[in-house]
Amino acid sequence: RSDARIPIGGTPGFAVLDLRAGLRV
């Protein structure tokens, strides 16, 4: 609760989207 790296009230949730493509020969 006193750590500046943690926002007041706690760490917010998140959702991160990644797109991927590849080719195997």
PDBML (XML) file of the C-alpha atoms, coordinates in Angstrom:
<?xml version="1.0" encoding="UTF-8" ?>
<PDBx:datablock datablockName="MODEL"
   xmlns:PDBx="http://pdbml.pdb.org/schema/pdbx-v50.xsd"
   xmlns:xsi="http://www.w3.org/2001/XMLSchema-instance"
   xsi:schemaLocation="http://pdbml.pdb.org/schema/pdbx-v50.xsd pdbx-v50.xsd">
   <PDBx:atom_siteCategory>
      <PDBx:atom_site id="1">
         <PDBx:B_iso_or_equiv>0.00</PDBx:B_iso_or_equiv>
         <PDBx:Cartn_x>0.000</PDBx:Cartn_x>
         <PDBx:Cartn_y>0.000</PDBx:Cartn_y>
         <PDBx:Cartn_z>0.000</PDBx:Cartn_z>
         <PDBx:auth_asym_id>A</PDBx:auth_asym_id>
         <PDBx:auth_atom_id>CA</PDBx:auth_atom_id>
         <PDBx:auth_comp_id>ARG</PDBx:auth_comp_id>
         <PDBx:auth_seq_id>1</PDBx:auth_seq_id>
         <PDBx:group_PDB>ATOM</PDBx:group_PDB>
         <PDBx:label_alt_id xsi:nil="true" />
         <PDBx:label_asym_id>A</PDBx:label_asym_id>
         <PDBx:label_atom_id>CA</PDBx:label_atom_id>
         <PDBx:label_comp_id>ARG</PDBx:label_comp_id>
         <PDBx:label_entity_id>1</PDBx:label_entity_id>
         <PDBx:label_seq_id>1</PDBx:label_seq_id>
         <PDBx:occupancy>1.00</PDBx:occupancy>
         <PDBx:pdbx_PDB_model_num>1</PDBx:pdbx_PDB_model_num>
         <PDBx:type_symbol>C</PDBx:type_symbol>
      </PDBx:atom_site>
      <PDBx:atom_site id="2">
         <PDBx:B_iso_or_equiv>0.00</PDBx:B_iso_or_equiv>
         <PDBx:Cartn_x>2.981</PDBx:Cartn_x>
         <PDBx:Cartn_y>2.324</PDBx:Cartn_y>
         <PDBx:Cartn_z>0.459</PDBx:Cartn_z>
         <PDBx:auth_asym_id>A</PDBx:auth_asym_id>
         <PDBx:auth_atom_id>CA</PDBx:auth_atom_id>
         <PDBx:auth_comp_id>SER</PDBx:auth_comp_id>
         <PDBx:auth_seq_id>2</PDBx:auth_seq_id>
         <PDBx:group_PDB>ATOM</PDBx:group_PDB>
         <PDBx:label_alt_id xsi:nil="true" />
         <PDBx:label_asym_id>A</PDBx:label_asym_id>
         <PDBx:label_atom_id>CA</PDBx:label_atom_id>
         <PDBx:label_comp_id>SER</PDBx:label_comp_id>
         <PDBx:label_entity_id>1</PDBx:label_entity_id>
         <PDBx:label_seq_id>2</PDBx:label_seq_id>
         <PDBx:occupancy>1.00</PDBx:occupancy>
         <PDBx:pdbx_PDB_model_num>1</PDBx:pdbx_PDB_model_num>
         <PDBx:type_symbol>C</PDBx:type_symbol>
      </PDBx:atom_site>
      <PDBx:atom_site id="3">
         <PDBx:B_iso_or_equiv>0.00</PDBx:B_iso_or_equiv>
         <PDBx:Cartn_x>4.853</PDBx:Cartn_x>
         <PDBx:Cartn_y>1.175</PDBx:Cartn_y>
         <PDBx:Cartn_z>-2.660</PDBx:Cartn_z>
         <PDBx:auth_asym_id>A</PDBx:auth_asym_id>
         <PDBx:auth_atom_id>CA</PDBx:auth_atom_id>
         <PDBx:auth_comp_id>ASP</PDBx:auth_comp_id>
         <PDBx:auth_seq_id>3</PDBx:auth_seq_id>
         <PDBx:group_PDB>ATOM</PDBx:group_PDB>
         <PDBx:label_alt_id xsi:nil="true" />
         <PDBx:label_asym_id>A</PDBx:label_asym_id>
         <PDBx:label_atom_id>CA</PDBx:label_atom_id>
         <PDBx:label_comp_id>ASP</PDBx:label_comp_id>
         <PDBx:label_entity_id>1</PDBx:label_entity_id>
         <PDBx:label_seq_id>3</PDBx:label_seq_id>
         <PDBx:occupancy>1.00</PDBx:occupancy>
         <PDBx:pdbx_PDB_model_num>1</PDBx:pdbx_PDB_model_num>
         <PDBx:type_symbol>C</PDBx:type_symbol>
      </PDBx:atom_site>
      <PDBx:atom_site id="4">
         <PDBx:B_iso_or_equiv>0.00</PDBx:B_iso_or_equiv>
         <PDBx:Cartn_x>4.918</PDBx:Cartn_x>
         <PDBx:Cartn_y>3.827</PDBx:Cartn_y>
         <PDBx:Cartn_z>-5.394</PDBx:Cartn_z>
         <PDBx:auth_asym_id>A</PDBx:auth_asym_id>
         <PDBx:auth_atom_id>CA</PDBx:auth_atom_id>
         <PDBx:auth_comp_id>ALA</PDBx:auth_comp_id>
         <PDBx:auth_seq_id>4</PDBx:auth_seq_id>
         <PDBx:group_PDB>ATOM</PDBx:group_PDB>
         <PDBx:label_alt_id xsi:nil="true" />
         <PDBx:label_asym_id>A</PDBx:label_asym_id>
         <PDBx:label_atom_id>CA</PDBx:label_atom_id>
         <PDBx:label_comp_id>ALA</PDBx:label_comp_id>
         <PDBx:label_entity_id>1</PDBx:label_entity_id>
         <PDBx:label_seq_id>4</PDBx:label_seq_id>
         <PDBx:occupancy>1.00</PDBx:occupancy>
         <PDBx:pdbx_PDB_model_num>1</PDBx:pdbx_PDB_model_num>
         <PDBx:type_symbol>C</PDBx:type_symbol>
      </PDBx:atom_site>
      <PDBx:atom_site id="5">
         <PDBx:B_iso_or_equiv>0.00</PDBx:B_iso_or_equiv>
         <PDBx:Cartn_x>5.153</PDBx:Cartn_x>
         <PDBx:Cartn_y>1.047</PDBx:Cartn_y>
         <PDBx:Cartn_z>-8.011</PDBx:Cartn_z>
         <PDBx:auth_asym_id>A</PDBx:auth_asym_id>
         <PDBx:auth_atom_id>CA</PDBx:auth_atom_id>
         <PDBx:auth_comp_id>ARG</PDBx:auth_comp_id>
         <PDBx:auth_seq_id>5</PDBx:auth_seq_id>
         <PDBx:group_PDB>ATOM</PDBx:group_PDB>
         <PDBx:label_alt_id xsi:nil="true" />
         <PDBx:label_asym_id>A</PDBx:label_asym_id>
         <PDBx:label_atom_id>CA</PDBx:label_atom_id>
         <PDBx:label_comp_id>ARG</PDBx:label_comp_id>
         <PDBx:label_entity_id>1</PDBx:label_entity_id>
         <PDBx:label_seq_id>5</PDBx:label_seq_id>
         <PDBx:occupancy>1.00</PDBx:occupancy>
         <PDBx:pdbx_PDB_model_num>1</PDBx:pdbx_PDB_model_num>
         <PDBx:type_symbol>C</PDBx:type_symbol>
      </PDBx:atom_site>
      <PDBx:atom_site id="6">
         <PDBx:B_iso_or_equiv>0.00</PDBx:B_iso_or_equiv>
         <PDBx:Cartn_x>1.669</PDBx:Cartn_x>
         <PDBx:Cartn_y>-0.153</PDBx:Cartn_y>
         <PDBx:Cartn_z>-7.065</PDBx:Cartn_z>
         <PDBx:auth_asym_id>A</PDBx:auth_asym_id>
         <PDBx:auth_atom_id>CA</PDBx:auth_atom_id>
         <PDBx:auth_comp_id>ILE</PDBx:auth_comp_id>
         <PDBx:auth_seq_id>6</PDBx:auth_seq_id>
         <PDBx:group_PDB>ATOM</PDBx:group_PDB>
         <PDBx:label_alt_id xsi:nil="true" />
         <PDBx:label_asym_id>A</PDBx:label_asym_id>
         <PDBx:label_atom_id>CA</PDBx:label_atom_id>
         <PDBx:label_comp_id>ILE</PDBx:label_comp_id>
         <PDBx:label_entity_id>1</PDBx:label_entity_id>
         <PDBx:label_seq_id>6</PDBx:label_seq_id>
         <PDBx:occupancy>1.00</PDBx:occupancy>
         <PDBx:pdbx_PDB_model_num>1</PDBx:pdbx_PDB_model_num>
         <PDBx:type_symbol>C</PDBx:type_symbol>
      </PDBx:atom_site>
      <PDBx:atom_site id="7">
         <PDBx:B_iso_or_equiv>0.00</PDBx:B_iso_or_equiv>
         <PDBx:Cartn_x>-1.184</PDBx:Cartn_x>
         <PDBx:Cartn_y>2.284</PDBx:Cartn_y>
         <PDBx:Cartn_z>-7.837</PDBx:Cartn_z>
         <PDBx:auth_asym_id>A</PDBx:auth_asym_id>
         <PDBx:auth_atom_id>CA</PDBx:auth_atom_id>
         <PDBx:auth_comp_id>PRO</PDBx:auth_comp_id>
         <PDBx:auth_seq_id>7</PDBx:auth_seq_id>
         <PDBx:group_PDB>ATOM</PDBx:group_PDB>
         <PDBx:label_alt_id xsi:nil="true" />
         <PDBx:label_asym_id>A</PDBx:label_asym_id>
         <PDBx:label_atom_id>CA</PDBx:label_atom_id>
         <PDBx:label_comp_id>PRO</PDBx:label_comp_id>
         <PDBx:label_entity_id>1</PDBx:label_entity_id>
         <PDBx:label_seq_id>7</PDBx:label_seq_id>
         <PDBx:occupancy>1.00</PDBx:occupancy>
         <PDBx:pdbx_PDB_model_num>1</PDBx:pdbx_PDB_model_num>
         <PDBx:type_symbol>C</PDBx:type_symbol>
      </PDBx:atom_site>
      <PDBx:atom_site id="8">
         <PDBx:B_iso_or_equiv>0.00</PDBx:B_iso_or_equiv>
         <PDBx:Cartn_x>-3.466</PDBx:Cartn_x>
         <PDBx:Cartn_y>3.376</PDBx:Cartn_y>
         <PDBx:Cartn_z>-4.993</PDBx:Cartn_z>
         <PDBx:auth_asym_id>A</PDBx:auth_asym_id>
         <PDBx:auth_atom_id>CA</PDBx:auth_atom_id>
         <PDBx:auth_comp_id>ILE</PDBx:auth_comp_id>
         <PDBx:auth_seq_id>8</PDBx:auth_seq_id>
         <PDBx:group_PDB>ATOM</PDBx:group_PDB>
         <PDBx:label_alt_id xsi:nil="true" />
         <PDBx:label_asym_id>A</PDBx:label_asym_id>
         <PDBx:label_atom_id>CA</PDBx:label_atom_id>
         <PDBx:label_comp_id>ILE</PDBx:label_comp_id>
         <PDBx:label_entity_id>1</PDBx:label_entity_id>
         <PDBx:label_seq_id>8</PDBx:label_seq_id>
         <PDBx:occupancy>1.00</PDBx:occupancy>
         <PDBx:pdbx_PDB_model_num>1</PDBx:pdbx_PDB_model_num>
         <PDBx:type_symbol>C</PDBx:type_symbol>
      </PDBx:atom_site>
      <PDBx:atom_site id="9">
         <PDBx:B_iso_or_equiv>0.00</PDBx:B_iso_or_equiv>
         <PDBx:Cartn_x>-6.056</PDBx:Cartn_x>
         <PDBx:Cartn_y>0.654</PDBx:Cartn_y>
         <PDBx:Cartn_z>-4.472</PDBx:Cartn_z>
         <PDBx:auth_asym_id>A</PDBx:auth_asym_id>
         <PDBx:auth_atom_id>CA</PDBx:auth_atom_id>
         <PDBx:auth_comp_id>GLY</PDBx:auth_comp_id>
         <PDBx:auth_seq_id>9</PDBx:auth_seq_id>
         <PDBx:group_PDB>ATOM</PDBx:group_PDB>
         <PDBx:label_alt_id xsi:nil="true" />
         <PDBx:label_asym_id>A</PDBx:label_asym_id>
         <PDBx:label_atom_id>CA</PDBx:label_atom_id>
         <PDBx:label_comp_id>GLY</PDBx:label_comp_id>
         <PDBx:label_entity_id>1</PDBx:label_entity_id>
         <PDBx:label_seq_id>9</PDBx:label_seq_id>
         <PDBx:occupancy>1.00</PDBx:occupancy>
         <PDBx:pdbx_PDB_model_num>1</PDBx:pdbx_PDB_model_num>
         <PDBx:type_symbol>C</PDBx:type_symbol>
      </PDBx:atom_site>
      <PDBx:atom_site id="10">
         <PDBx:B_iso_or_equiv>0.00</PDBx:B_iso_or_equiv>
         <PDBx:Cartn_x>-4.033</PDBx:Cartn_x>
         <PDBx:Cartn_y>-2.017</PDBx:Cartn_y>
         <PDBx:Cartn_z>-6.280</PDBx:Cartn_z>
         <PDBx:auth_asym_id>A</PDBx:auth_asym_id>
         <PDBx:auth_atom_id>CA</PDBx:auth_atom_id>
         <PDBx:auth_comp_id>GLY</PDBx:auth_comp_id>
         <PDBx:auth_seq_id>10</PDBx:auth_seq_id>
         <PDBx:group_PDB>ATOM</PDBx:group_PDB>
         <PDBx:label_alt_id xsi:nil="true" />
         <PDBx:label_asym_id>A</PDBx:label_asym_id>
         <PDBx:label_atom_id>CA</PDBx:label_atom_id>
         <PDBx:label_comp_id>GLY</PDBx:label_comp_id>
         <PDBx:label_entity_id>1</PDBx:label_entity_id>
         <PDBx:label_seq_id>10</PDBx:label_seq_id>
         <PDBx:occupancy>1.00</PDBx:occupancy>
         <PDBx:pdbx_PDB_model_num>1</PDBx:pdbx_PDB_model_num>
         <PDBx:type_symbol>C</PDBx:type_symbol>
      </PDBx:atom_site>
      <PDBx:atom_site id="11">
         <PDBx:B_iso_or_equiv>0.00</PDBx:B_iso_or_equiv>
         <PDBx:Cartn_x>-2.782</PDBx:Cartn_x>
         <PDBx:Cartn_y>-2.972</PDBx:Cartn_y>
         <PDBx:Cartn_z>-9.728</PDBx:Cartn_z>
         <PDBx:auth_asym_id>A</PDBx:auth_asym_id>
         <PDBx:auth_atom_id>CA</PDBx:auth_atom_id>
         <PDBx:auth_comp_id>THR</PDBx:auth_comp_id>
         <PDBx:auth_seq_id>11</PDBx:auth_seq_id>
         <PDBx:group_PDB>ATOM</PDBx:group_PDB>
         <PDBx:label_alt_id xsi:nil="true" />
         <PDBx:label_asym_id>A</PDBx:label_asym_id>
         <PDBx:label_atom_id>CA</PDBx:label_atom_id>
         <PDBx:label_comp_id>THR</PDBx:label_comp_id>
         <PDBx:label_entity_id>1</PDBx:label_entity_id>
         <PDBx:label_seq_id>11</PDBx:label_seq_id>
         <PDBx:occupancy>1.00</PDBx:occupancy>
         <PDBx:pdbx_PDB_model_num>1</PDBx:pdbx_PDB_model_num>
         <PDBx:type_symbol>C</PDBx:type_symbol>
      </PDBx:atom_site>
      <PDBx:atom_site id="12">
         <PDBx:B_iso_or_equiv>0.00</PDBx:B_iso_or_equiv>
         <PDBx:Cartn_x>-5.456</PDBx:Cartn_x>
         <PDBx:Cartn_y>-2.681</PDBx:Cartn_y>
         <PDBx:Cartn_z>-12.455</PDBx:Cartn_z>
         <PDBx:auth_asym_id>A</PDBx:auth_asym_id>
         <PDBx:auth_atom_id>CA</PDBx:auth_atom_id>
         <PDBx:auth_comp_id>PRO</PDBx:auth_comp_id>
         <PDBx:auth_seq_id>12</PDBx:auth_seq_id>
         <PDBx:group_PDB>ATOM</PDBx:group_PDB>
         <PDBx:label_alt_id xsi:nil="true" />
         <PDBx:label_asym_id>A</PDBx:label_asym_id>
         <PDBx:label_atom_id>CA</PDBx:label_atom_id>
         <PDBx:label_comp_id>PRO</PDBx:label_comp_id>
         <PDBx:label_entity_id>1</PDBx:label_entity_id>
         <PDBx:label_seq_id>12</PDBx:label_seq_id>
         <PDBx:occupancy>1.00</PDBx:occupancy>
         <PDBx:pdbx_PDB_model_num>1</PDBx:pdbx_PDB_model_num>
         <PDBx:type_symbol>C</PDBx:type_symbol>
      </PDBx:atom_site>
      <PDBx:atom_site id="13">
         <PDBx:B_iso_or_equiv>0.00</PDBx:B_iso_or_equiv>
         <PDBx:Cartn_x>-6.341</PDBx:Cartn_x>
         <PDBx:Cartn_y>-5.660</PDBx:Cartn_y>
         <PDBx:Cartn_z>-14.590</PDBx:Cartn_z>
         <PDBx:auth_asym_id>A</PDBx:auth_asym_id>
         <PDBx:auth_atom_id>CA</PDBx:auth_atom_id>
         <PDBx:auth_comp_id>GLY</PDBx:auth_comp_id>
         <PDBx:auth_seq_id>13</PDBx:auth_seq_id>
         <PDBx:group_PDB>ATOM</PDBx:group_PDB>
         <PDBx:label_alt_id xsi:nil="true" />
         <PDBx:label_asym_id>A</PDBx:label_asym_id>
         <PDBx:label_atom_id>CA</PDBx:label_atom_id>
         <PDBx:label_comp_id>GLY</PDBx:label_comp_id>
         <PDBx:label_entity_id>1</PDBx:label_entity_id>
         <PDBx:label_seq_id>13</PDBx:label_seq_id>
         <PDBx:occupancy>1.00</PDBx:occupancy>
         <PDBx:pdbx_PDB_model_num>1</PDBx:pdbx_PDB_model_num>
         <PDBx:type_symbol>C</PDBx:type_symbol>
      </PDBx:atom_site>
      <PDBx:atom_site id="14">
         <PDBx:B_iso_or_equiv>0.00</PDBx:B_iso_or_equiv>
         <PDBx:Cartn_x>-5.428</PDBx:Cartn_x>
         <PDBx:Cartn_y>-5.794</PDBx:Cartn_y>
         <PDBx:Cartn_z>-18.274</PDBx:Cartn_z>
         <PDBx:auth_asym_id>A</PDBx:auth_asym_id>
         <PDBx:auth_atom_id>CA</PDBx:auth_atom_id>
         <PDBx:auth_comp_id>PHE</PDBx:auth_comp_id>
         <PDBx:auth_seq_id>14</PDBx:auth_seq_id>
         <PDBx:group_PDB>ATOM</PDBx:group_PDB>
         <PDBx:label_alt_id xsi:nil="true" />
         <PDBx:label_asym_id>A</PDBx:label_asym_id>
         <PDBx:label_atom_id>CA</PDBx:label_atom_id>
         <PDBx:label_comp_id>PHE</PDBx:label_comp_id>
         <PDBx:label_entity_id>1</PDBx:label_entity_id>
         <PDBx:label_seq_id>14</PDBx:label_seq_id>
         <PDBx:occupancy>1.00</PDBx:occupancy>
         <PDBx:pdbx_PDB_model_num>1</PDBx:pdbx_PDB_model_num>
         <PDBx:type_symbol>C</PDBx:type_symbol>
      </PDBx:atom_site>
      <PDBx:atom_site id="15">
         <PDBx:B_iso_or_equiv>0.00</PDBx:B_iso_or_equiv>
         <PDBx:Cartn_x>-5.892</PDBx:Cartn_x>
         <PDBx:Cartn_y>-7.653</PDBx:Cartn_y>
         <PDBx:Cartn_z>-21.552</PDBx:Cartn_z>
         <PDBx:auth_asym_id>A</PDBx:auth_asym_id>
         <PDBx:auth_atom_id>CA</PDBx:auth_atom_id>
         <PDBx:auth_comp_id>ALA</PDBx:auth_comp_id>
         <PDBx:auth_seq_id>15</PDBx:auth_seq_id>
         <PDBx:group_PDB>ATOM</PDBx:group_PDB>
         <PDBx:label_alt_id xsi:nil="true" />
         <PDBx:label_asym_id>A</PDBx:label_asym_id>
         <PDBx:label_atom_id>CA</PDBx:label_atom_id>
         <PDBx:label_comp_id>ALA</PDBx:label_comp_id>
         <PDBx:label_entity_id>1</PDBx:label_entity_id>
         <PDBx:label_seq_id>15</PDBx:label_seq_id>
         <PDBx:occupancy>1.00</PDBx:occupancy>
         <PDBx:pdbx_PDB_model_num>1</PDBx:pdbx_PDB_model_num>
         <PDBx:type_symbol>C</PDBx:type_symbol>
      </PDBx:atom_site>
      <PDBx:atom_site id="16">
         <PDBx:B_iso_or_equiv>0.00</PDBx:B_iso_or_equiv>
         <PDBx:Cartn_x>-3.209</PDBx:Cartn_x>
         <PDBx:Cartn_y>-7.504</PDBx:Cartn_y>
         <PDBx:Cartn_z>-24.236</PDBx:Cartn_z>
         <PDBx:auth_asym_id>A</PDBx:auth_asym_id>
         <PDBx:auth_atom_id>CA</PDBx:auth_atom_id>
         <PDBx:auth_comp_id>VAL</PDBx:auth_comp_id>
         <PDBx:auth_seq_id>16</PDBx:auth_seq_id>
         <PDBx:group_PDB>ATOM</PDBx:group_PDB>
         <PDBx:label_alt_id xsi:nil="true" />
         <PDBx:label_asym_id>A</PDBx:label_asym_id>
         <PDBx:label_atom_id>CA</PDBx:label_atom_id>
         <PDBx:label_comp_id>VAL</PDBx:label_comp_id>
         <PDBx:label_entity_id>1</PDBx:label_entity_id>
         <PDBx:label_seq_id>16</PDBx:label_seq_id>
         <PDBx:occupancy>1.00</PDBx:occupancy>
         <PDBx:pdbx_PDB_model_num>1</PDBx:pdbx_PDB_model_num>
         <PDBx:type_symbol>C</PDBx:type_symbol>
      </PDBx:atom_site>
      <PDBx:atom_site id="17">
         <PDBx:B_iso_or_equiv>0.00</PDBx:B_iso_or_equiv>
         <PDBx:Cartn_x>-3.776</PDBx:Cartn_x>
         <PDBx:Cartn_y>-8.783</PDBx:Cartn_y>
         <PDBx:Cartn_z>-27.782</PDBx:Cartn_z>
         <PDBx:auth_asym_id>A</PDBx:auth_asym_id>
         <PDBx:auth_atom_id>CA</PDBx:auth_atom_id>
         <PDBx:auth_comp_id>LEU</PDBx:auth_comp_id>
         <PDBx:auth_seq_id>17</PDBx:auth_seq_id>
         <PDBx:group_PDB>ATOM</PDBx:group_PDB>
         <PDBx:label_alt_id xsi:nil="true" />
         <PDBx:label_asym_id>A</PDBx:label_asym_id>
         <PDBx:label_atom_id>CA</PDBx:label_atom_id>
         <PDBx:label_comp_id>LEU</PDBx:label_comp_id>
         <PDBx:label_entity_id>1</PDBx:label_entity_id>
         <PDBx:label_seq_id>17</PDBx:label_seq_id>
         <PDBx:occupancy>1.00</PDBx:occupancy>
         <PDBx:pdbx_PDB_model_num>1</PDBx:pdbx_PDB_model_num>
         <PDBx:type_symbol>C</PDBx:type_symbol>
      </PDBx:atom_site>
      <PDBx:atom_site id="18">
         <PDBx:B_iso_or_equiv>0.00</PDBx:B_iso_or_equiv>
         <PDBx:Cartn_x>-0.937</PDBx:Cartn_x>
         <PDBx:Cartn_y>-10.132</PDBx:Cartn_y>
         <PDBx:Cartn_z>-29.955</PDBx:Cartn_z>
         <PDBx:auth_asym_id>A</PDBx:auth_asym_id>
         <PDBx:auth_atom_id>CA</PDBx:auth_atom_id>
         <PDBx:auth_comp_id>ASP</PDBx:auth_comp_id>
         <PDBx:auth_seq_id>18</PDBx:auth_seq_id>
         <PDBx:group_PDB>ATOM</PDBx:group_PDB>
         <PDBx:label_alt_id xsi:nil="true" />
         <PDBx:label_asym_id>A</PDBx:label_asym_id>
         <PDBx:label_atom_id>CA</PDBx:label_atom_id>
         <PDBx:label_comp_id>ASP</PDBx:label_comp_id>
         <PDBx:label_entity_id>1</PDBx:label_entity_id>
         <PDBx:label_seq_id>18</PDBx:label_seq_id>
         <PDBx:occupancy>1.00</PDBx:occupancy>
         <PDBx:pdbx_PDB_model_num>1</PDBx:pdbx_PDB_model_num>
         <PDBx:type_symbol>C</PDBx:type_symbol>
      </PDBx:atom_site>
      <PDBx:atom_site id="19">
         <PDBx:B_iso_or_equiv>0.00</PDBx:B_iso_or_equiv>
         <PDBx:Cartn_x>-1.106</PDBx:Cartn_x>
         <PDBx:Cartn_y>-11.226</PDBx:Cartn_y>
         <PDBx:Cartn_z>-33.612</PDBx:Cartn_z>
         <PDBx:auth_asym_id>A</PDBx:auth_asym_id>
         <PDBx:auth_atom_id>CA</PDBx:auth_atom_id>
         <PDBx:auth_comp_id>LEU</PDBx:auth_comp_id>
         <PDBx:auth_seq_id>19</PDBx:auth_seq_id>
         <PDBx:group_PDB>ATOM</PDBx:group_PDB>
         <PDBx:label_alt_id xsi:nil="true" />
         <PDBx:label_asym_id>A</PDBx:label_asym_id>
         <PDBx:label_atom_id>CA</PDBx:label_atom_id>
         <PDBx:label_comp_id>LEU</PDBx:label_comp_id>
         <PDBx:label_entity_id>1</PDBx:label_entity_id>
         <PDBx:label_seq_id>19</PDBx:label_seq_id>
         <PDBx:occupancy>1.00</PDBx:occupancy>
         <PDBx:pdbx_PDB_model_num>1</PDBx:pdbx_PDB_model_num>
         <PDBx:type_symbol>C</PDBx:type_symbol>
      </PDBx:atom_site>
      <PDBx:atom_site id="20">
         <PDBx:B_iso_or_equiv>0.00</PDBx:B_iso_or_equiv>
         <PDBx:Cartn_x>1.352</PDBx:Cartn_x>
         <PDBx:Cartn_y>-13.810</PDBx:Cartn_y>
         <PDBx:Cartn_z>-34.974</PDBx:Cartn_z>
         <PDBx:auth_asym_id>A</PDBx:auth_asym_id>
         <PDBx:auth_atom_id>CA</PDBx:auth_atom_id>
         <PDBx:auth_comp_id>ARG</PDBx:auth_comp_id>
         <PDBx:auth_seq_id>20</PDBx:auth_seq_id>
         <PDBx:group_PDB>ATOM</PDBx:group_PDB>
         <PDBx:label_alt_id xsi:nil="true" />
         <PDBx:label_asym_id>A</PDBx:label_asym_id>
         <PDBx:label_atom_id>CA</PDBx:label_atom_id>
         <PDBx:label_comp_id>ARG</PDBx:label_comp_id>
         <PDBx:label_entity_id>1</PDBx:label_entity_id>
         <PDBx:label_seq_id>20</PDBx:label_seq_id>
         <PDBx:occupancy>1.00</PDBx:occupancy>
         <PDBx:pdbx_PDB_model_num>1</PDBx:pdbx_PDB_model_num>
         <PDBx:type_symbol>C</PDBx:type_symbol>
      </PDBx:atom_site>
      <PDBx:atom_site id="21">
         <PDBx:B_iso_or_equiv>0.00</PDBx:B_iso_or_equiv>
         <PDBx:Cartn_x>2.273</PDBx:Cartn_x>
         <PDBx:Cartn_y>-15.367</PDBx:Cartn_y>
         <PDBx:Cartn_z>-38.303</PDBx:Cartn_z>
         <PDBx:auth_asym_id>A</PDBx:auth_asym_id>
         <PDBx:auth_atom_id>CA</PDBx:auth_atom_id>
         <PDBx:auth_comp_id>ALA</PDBx:auth_comp_id>
         <PDBx:auth_seq_id>21</PDBx:auth_seq_id>
         <PDBx:group_PDB>ATOM</PDBx:group_PDB>
         <PDBx:label_alt_id xsi:nil="true" />
         <PDBx:label_asym_id>A</PDBx:label_asym_id>
         <PDBx:label_atom_id>CA</PDBx:label_atom_id>
         <PDBx:label_comp_id>ALA</PDBx:label_comp_id>
         <PDBx:label_entity_id>1</PDBx:label_entity_id>
         <PDBx:label_seq_id>21</PDBx:label_seq_id>
         <PDBx:occupancy>1.00</PDBx:occupancy>
         <PDBx:pdbx_PDB_model_num>1</PDBx:pdbx_PDB_model_num>
         <PDBx:type_symbol>C</PDBx:type_symbol>
      </PDBx:atom_site>
      <PDBx:atom_site id="22">
         <PDBx:B_iso_or_equiv>0.00</PDBx:B_iso_or_equiv>
         <PDBx:Cartn_x>4.953</PDBx:Cartn_x>
         <PDBx:Cartn_y>-17.776</PDBx:Cartn_y>
         <PDBx:Cartn_z>-39.393</PDBx:Cartn_z>
         <PDBx:auth_asym_id>A</PDBx:auth_asym_id>
         <PDBx:auth_atom_id>CA</PDBx:auth_atom_id>
         <PDBx:auth_comp_id>GLY</PDBx:auth_comp_id>
         <PDBx:auth_seq_id>22</PDBx:auth_seq_id>
         <PDBx:group_PDB>ATOM</PDBx:group_PDB>
         <PDBx:label_alt_id xsi:nil="true" />
         <PDBx:label_asym_id>A</PDBx:label_asym_id>
         <PDBx:label_atom_id>CA</PDBx:label_atom_id>
         <PDBx:label_comp_id>GLY</PDBx:label_comp_id>
         <PDBx:label_entity_id>1</PDBx:label_entity_id>
         <PDBx:label_seq_id>22</PDBx:label_seq_id>
         <PDBx:occupancy>1.00</PDBx:occupancy>
         <PDBx:pdbx_PDB_model_num>1</PDBx:pdbx_PDB_model_num>
         <PDBx:type_symbol>C</PDBx:type_symbol>
      </PDBx:atom_site>
      <PDBx:atom_site id="23">
         <PDBx:B_iso_or_equiv>0.00</PDBx:B_iso_or_equiv>
         <PDBx:Cartn_x>6.299</PDBx:Cartn_x>
         <PDBx:Cartn_y>-20.148</PDBx:Cartn_y>
         <PDBx:Cartn_z>-42.012</PDBx:Cartn_z>
         <PDBx:auth_asym_id>A</PDBx:auth_asym_id>
         <PDBx:auth_atom_id>CA</PDBx:auth_atom_id>
         <PDBx:auth_comp_id>LEU</PDBx:auth_comp_id>
         <PDBx:auth_seq_id>23</PDBx:auth_seq_id>
         <PDBx:group_PDB>ATOM</PDBx:group_PDB>
         <PDBx:label_alt_id xsi:nil="true" />
         <PDBx:label_asym_id>A</PDBx:label_asym_id>
         <PDBx:label_atom_id>CA</PDBx:label_atom_id>
         <PDBx:label_comp_id>LEU</PDBx:label_comp_id>
         <PDBx:label_entity_id>1</PDBx:label_entity_id>
         <PDBx:label_seq_id>23</PDBx:label_seq_id>
         <PDBx:occupancy>1.00</PDBx:occupancy>
         <PDBx:pdbx_PDB_model_num>1</PDBx:pdbx_PDB_model_num>
         <PDBx:type_symbol>C</PDBx:type_symbol>
      </PDBx:atom_site>
      <PDBx:atom_site id="24">
         <PDBx:B_iso_or_equiv>0.00</PDBx:B_iso_or_equiv>
         <PDBx:Cartn_x>8.128</PDBx:Cartn_x>
         <PDBx:Cartn_y>-23.444</PDBx:Cartn_y>
         <PDBx:Cartn_z>-41.465</PDBx:Cartn_z>
         <PDBx:auth_asym_id>A</PDBx:auth_asym_id>
         <PDBx:auth_atom_id>CA</PDBx:auth_atom_id>
         <PDBx:auth_comp_id>ARG</PDBx:auth_comp_id>
         <PDBx:auth_seq_id>24</PDBx:auth_seq_id>
         <PDBx:group_PDB>ATOM</PDBx:group_PDB>
         <PDBx:label_alt_id xsi:nil="true" />
         <PDBx:label_asym_id>A</PDBx:label_asym_id>
         <PDBx:label_atom_id>CA</PDBx:label_atom_id>
         <PDBx:label_comp_id>ARG</PDBx:label_comp_id>
         <PDBx:label_entity_id>1</PDBx:label_entity_id>
         <PDBx:label_seq_id>24</PDBx:label_seq_id>
         <PDBx:occupancy>1.00</PDBx:occupancy>
         <PDBx:pdbx_PDB_model_num>1</PDBx:pdbx_PDB_model_num>
         <PDBx:type_symbol>C</PDBx:type_symbol>
      </PDBx:atom_site>
      <PDBx:atom_site id="25">
         <PDBx:B_iso_or_equiv>0.00</PDBx:B_iso_or_equiv>
         <PDBx:Cartn_x>10.080</PDBx:Cartn_x>
         <PDBx:Cartn_y>-25.100</PDBx:Cartn_y>
         <PDBx:Cartn_z>-44.302</PDBx:Cartn_z>
         <PDBx:auth_asym_id>A</PDBx:auth_asym_id>
         <PDBx:auth_atom_id>CA</PDBx:auth_atom_id>
         <PDBx:auth_comp_id>VAL</PDBx:auth_comp_id>
         <PDBx:auth_seq_id>25</PDBx:auth_seq_id>
         <PDBx:group_PDB>ATOM</PDBx:group_PDB>
         <PDBx:label_alt_id xsi:nil="true" />
         <PDBx:label_asym_id>A</PDBx:label_asym_id>
         <PDBx:label_atom_id>CA</PDBx:label_atom_id>
         <PDBx:label_comp_id>VAL</PDBx:label_comp_id>
         <PDBx:label_entity_id>1</PDBx:label_entity_id>
         <PDBx:label_seq_id>25</PDBx:label_seq_id>
         <PDBx:occupancy>1.00</PDBx:occupancy>
         <PDBx:pdbx_PDB_model_num>1</PDBx:pdbx_PDB_model_num>
         <PDBx:type_symbol>C</PDBx:type_symbol>
      </PDBx:atom_site>
   </PDBx:atom_siteCategory>
</PDBx:datablock>
